[in-house]
N, C-alpha and C. Protein backbone atom coordinates (compact mmCIF):
# COMPACT_ATOMS: atom_id res chain seq x y z
N UNK A 1 0.72 -0.97 0.00
CA UNK A 1 -0.16 0.22 0.09
C UNK A 1 0.73 1.25 0.01
N UNK A 2 0.15 2.19 -0.70
CA UNK A 2 0.66 3.43 -0.84
C UNK A 2 -0.01 4.83 -0.01
N UNK A 3 0.66 5.40 0.40
CA UNK A 3 -0.31 6.66 0.86
C UNK A 3 -0.25 8.15 -0.08
N UNK A 4 -1.41 8.35 -0.35
CA UNK A 4 -1.44 9.87 -1.23
C UNK A 4 -1.28 10.59 -0.45
N UNK A 5 -0.51 11.00 -0.32
CA UNK A 5 0.11 12.72 0.71
C UNK A 5 -0.08 13.78 0.07
N UNK A 6 0.46 13.80 -1.52
CA UNK A 6 0.58 14.30 -2.10
C UNK A 6 0.55 13.98 -3.61
N UNK A 7 0.16 13.44 -3.94
CA UNK A 7 0.26 12.48 -5.40
C UNK A 7 -0.95 12.38 -6.29
N UNK A 8 -1.40 13.87 -6.17
CA UNK A 8 -2.45 13.80 -7.24
C UNK A 8 -2.34 13.49 -8.70
N UNK A 9 -1.12 14.01 -9.23
CA UNK A 9 -0.64 13.39 -10.48
C UNK A 9 -0.99 11.95 -10.55
N UNK A 10 -0.14 11.14 -9.72
CA UNK A 10 -0.19 9.72 -9.48
C UNK A 10 -1.61 9.05 -9.69
N UNK A 11 -2.13 9.75 -8.77
CA UNK A 11 -3.77 9.22 -8.40
C UNK A 11 -4.71 9.39 -10.07
N UNK A 12 -4.33 10.68 -10.36
CA UNK A 12 -4.86 10.83 -11.77
C UNK A 12 -4.45 9.88 -13.16
N UNK A 13 -3.29 9.45 -12.89
CA UNK A 13 -2.61 8.76 -13.88
C UNK A 13 -2.89 7.14 -13.51
N UNK A 14 -3.14 6.82 -12.50
CA UNK A 14 -3.45 5.35 -12.25
C UNK A 14 -5.03 5.00 -12.54
N UNK A 15 -6.10 6.47 -12.03
CA UNK A 15 -7.29 6.16 -12.54
C UNK A 15 -7.59 6.20 -14.39
N UNK A 16 -6.66 6.56 -14.93
CA UNK A 16 -6.56 6.65 -16.19
C UNK A 16 -6.07 5.37 -17.10
N UNK A 17 -4.98 4.69 -16.38
CA UNK A 17 -4.47 3.14 -16.49
C UNK A 17 -3.76 2.71 -15.03
N UNK A 18 -4.68 1.77 -14.60
CA UNK A 18 -4.14 1.24 -13.63
C UNK A 18 -2.93 -0.02 -13.16
N UNK A 19 -2.45 0.19 -14.57
CA UNK A 19 -1.17 -0.66 -14.55
C UNK A 19 -0.04 -0.27 -13.99
N UNK A 20 0.87 -0.62 -13.18
CA UNK A 20 1.72 0.37 -12.59
C UNK A 20 3.18 -0.49 -12.30
N UNK A 21 4.02 0.14 -12.22
CA UNK A 21 5.52 -0.65 -11.91
C UNK A 21 6.23 0.53 -10.50
N UNK A 22 6.49 -0.01 -9.33
CA UNK A 22 7.03 0.46 -8.23
C UNK A 22 8.29 0.22 -8.21
N UNK A 23 9.41 1.39 -8.01
CA UNK A 23 10.75 0.63 -8.10
C UNK A 23 11.21 0.74 -6.65
N UNK A 24 11.62 0.06 -5.97
CA UNK A 24 12.30 0.06 -4.64
C UNK A 24 13.69 -0.32 -4.33
N UNK A 25 14.08 0.54 -3.75
CA UNK A 25 15.59 0.71 -3.67
C UNK A 25 16.36 1.15 -2.18
N UNK A 26 17.39 0.11 -1.64
CA UNK A 26 17.86 -0.12 -0.73
C UNK A 26 19.50 0.77 -0.95
N UNK A 27 19.54 1.96 -0.39
CA UNK A 27 20.67 2.61 -1.37
C UNK A 27 22.19 1.90 -0.86
N UNK A 28 21.96 1.84 0.45
CA UNK A 28 23.60 1.38 1.08
C UNK A 28 23.99 -0.30 -0.11
N UNK A 29 23.18 -1.07 0.32
CA UNK A 29 23.41 -2.56 -0.27
C UNK A 29 23.38 -2.16 -1.82
N UNK A 30 22.71 -1.47 -2.74
CA UNK A 30 22.56 -1.10 -3.93
C UNK A 30 21.75 -2.30 -4.31
N UNK A 31 20.69 -2.48 -3.68
CA UNK A 31 19.90 -3.87 -4.06
C UNK A 31 18.63 -3.11 -4.23
N UNK A 32 17.17 -3.47 -5.15
CA UNK A 32 15.89 -3.22 -5.22
C UNK A 32 15.26 -4.63 -5.89
N UNK A 33 14.03 -4.25 -6.08
CA UNK A 33 13.16 -4.62 -6.78
C UNK A 33 12.39 -3.96 -7.54
N UNK A 34 11.37 -4.71 -8.65
CA UNK A 34 10.64 -3.80 -9.63
C UNK A 34 9.08 -4.49 -9.39
N UNK A 35 8.48 -4.05 -8.94
CA UNK A 35 6.86 -4.32 -8.59
C UNK A 35 5.86 -3.84 -9.79
N UNK A 36 5.23 -4.74 -10.47
CA UNK A 36 4.15 -4.56 -11.57
C UNK A 36 2.93 -5.24 -11.00
N UNK A 37 1.81 -4.79 -11.43
CA UNK A 37 0.67 -4.98 -11.59
C UNK A 37 -0.07 -4.11 -11.63
N UNK A 38 -1.59 -4.48 -11.09
CA UNK A 38 -2.68 -3.06 -11.30
C UNK A 38 -3.27 -2.54 -9.66
N UNK A 39 -3.21 -1.38 -10.11
CA UNK A 39 -3.41 -0.63 -8.80
C UNK A 39 -5.16 -0.34 -8.75
N UNK A 40 -5.27 0.04 -7.45
CA UNK A 40 -6.41 0.59 -7.38
C UNK A 40 -6.41 1.61 -6.02
N UNK A 41 -7.10 2.71 -6.37
CA UNK A 41 -7.39 3.96 -5.82
C UNK A 41 -8.55 3.53 -4.68
N UNK A 42 -8.33 3.96 -3.09
CA UNK A 42 -9.21 3.42 -2.21
C UNK A 42 -9.18 5.41 -1.73
N UNK A 43 -10.64 5.63 -1.76
CA UNK A 43 -10.71 7.19 -1.17
C UNK A 43 -11.42 7.08 0.07
N UNK A 44 -10.90 8.17 0.59
CA UNK A 44 -11.52 8.72 2.11
C UNK A 44 -12.79 8.12 2.43
N UNK A 45 -13.73 8.24 1.59
CA UNK A 45 -15.70 7.83 1.65
C UNK A 45 -15.56 6.45 0.91
N UNK A 46 -14.85 5.86 0.68
CA UNK A 46 -15.14 4.36 0.59
C UNK A 46 -15.12 3.62 1.84
N UNK A 47 -15.86 2.45 1.28
CA UNK A 47 -15.54 1.51 2.26
C UNK A 47 -14.36 0.34 2.86
N UNK A 48 -13.81 0.34 4.02
CA UNK A 48 -12.59 -0.11 4.23
C UNK A 48 -11.25 1.04 4.19
N UNK A 49 -11.66 2.09 3.83
CA UNK A 49 -10.52 2.87 3.82
C UNK A 49 -10.05 3.31 5.62
N UNK A 50 -10.59 3.31 6.37
CA UNK A 50 -10.46 3.26 7.88
C UNK A 50 -9.46 2.24 8.04
N UNK A 51 -9.96 0.98 7.77
CA UNK A 51 -9.01 -0.19 8.07
C UNK A 51 -7.19 0.01 7.25
N UNK A 52 -7.45 0.41 5.97
CA UNK A 52 -6.30 0.24 5.22
C UNK A 52 -5.30 1.58 5.96
N UNK A 53 -6.08 2.78 5.84
CA UNK A 53 -5.47 4.01 6.24
C UNK A 53 -4.63 3.87 7.77
N UNK A 54 -4.97 3.10 8.75
CA UNK A 54 -4.92 2.89 10.14
C UNK A 54 -3.34 2.78 10.27
N UNK A 55 -2.36 1.52 9.65
CA UNK A 55 -1.32 1.32 9.60
C UNK A 55 -0.42 2.11 9.31
N UNK A 56 -1.02 3.24 8.52
CA UNK A 56 0.17 4.02 7.61
C UNK A 56 0.12 5.18 8.19
N UNK A 57 -1.11 5.60 8.91
CA UNK A 57 -1.18 6.59 9.94
C UNK A 57 -0.13 6.54 11.35
N UNK A 58 -0.43 5.06 11.68
CA UNK A 58 0.81 5.09 12.79
C UNK A 58 2.03 5.38 12.34
N UNK A 59 2.43 5.05 11.14
CA UNK A 59 4.27 4.95 10.96
C UNK A 59 4.21 6.56 10.94
N UNK A 60 3.14 7.41 10.21
CA UNK A 60 3.52 8.66 10.49
C UNK A 60 3.26 9.56 11.72
N UNK A 61 2.79 9.23 12.58
CA UNK A 61 2.35 9.67 13.46
C UNK A 61 0.92 10.75 13.30
N UNK A 62 0.68 10.42 12.31
CA UNK A 62 -0.46 11.28 11.82
C UNK A 62 -0.14 13.09 11.32
N UNK A 63 1.31 13.06 10.88
CA UNK A 63 1.86 14.15 10.69
C UNK A 63 1.23 14.39 9.04
N UNK A 64 0.43 13.53 8.62
CA UNK A 64 0.77 14.05 7.01
C UNK A 64 -0.63 13.85 6.71
N UNK A 65 -1.72 14.36 6.23
CA UNK A 65 -3.34 14.01 6.05
C UNK A 65 -3.04 12.68 4.62
N UNK A 66 -3.70 11.80 4.90
CA UNK A 66 -3.81 10.78 3.82
C UNK A 66 -5.13 10.92 3.03
N UNK A 67 -5.19 11.31 1.92
CA UNK A 67 -6.30 11.53 1.00
C UNK A 67 -6.87 10.11 0.08
N UNK A 68 -5.96 9.67 0.17
CA UNK A 68 -6.07 7.90 -0.66
C UNK A 68 -5.00 6.91 -0.11
N UNK A 69 -5.77 5.75 -0.53
CA UNK A 69 -4.69 4.49 -0.23
C UNK A 69 -4.64 3.93 -1.64
N UNK A 70 -3.55 3.68 -2.32
CA UNK A 70 -3.47 3.35 -3.75
C UNK A 70 -2.70 1.80 -3.16
N UNK A 71 -3.73 0.67 -3.77
CA UNK A 71 -3.22 -0.51 -3.33
C UNK A 71 -3.02 -1.71 -4.44
N UNK A 72 -2.48 -2.49 -4.18
CA UNK A 72 -2.46 -3.19 -5.59
C UNK A 72 -3.79 -4.16 -5.42
N UNK A 73 -4.19 -4.63 -6.62
CA UNK A 73 -5.07 -6.03 -6.85
C UNK A 73 -4.94 -7.02 -6.64
């Protein structure tokens, strides 16, 4: 899951084409992973948002408003 805290363009792109690729890199060991799949946008007014956003808010301490959760299907 990815929290949308300021990703308006990403949300628009995913709505237009839900096929996504996410790159994850561990800087010091110089290793990474590429994740590919279909994304789903879950908005604050959708069923299940509160459950999905809870662990993300715990990580940030509530410092950032989360507008959407981006999840893989």
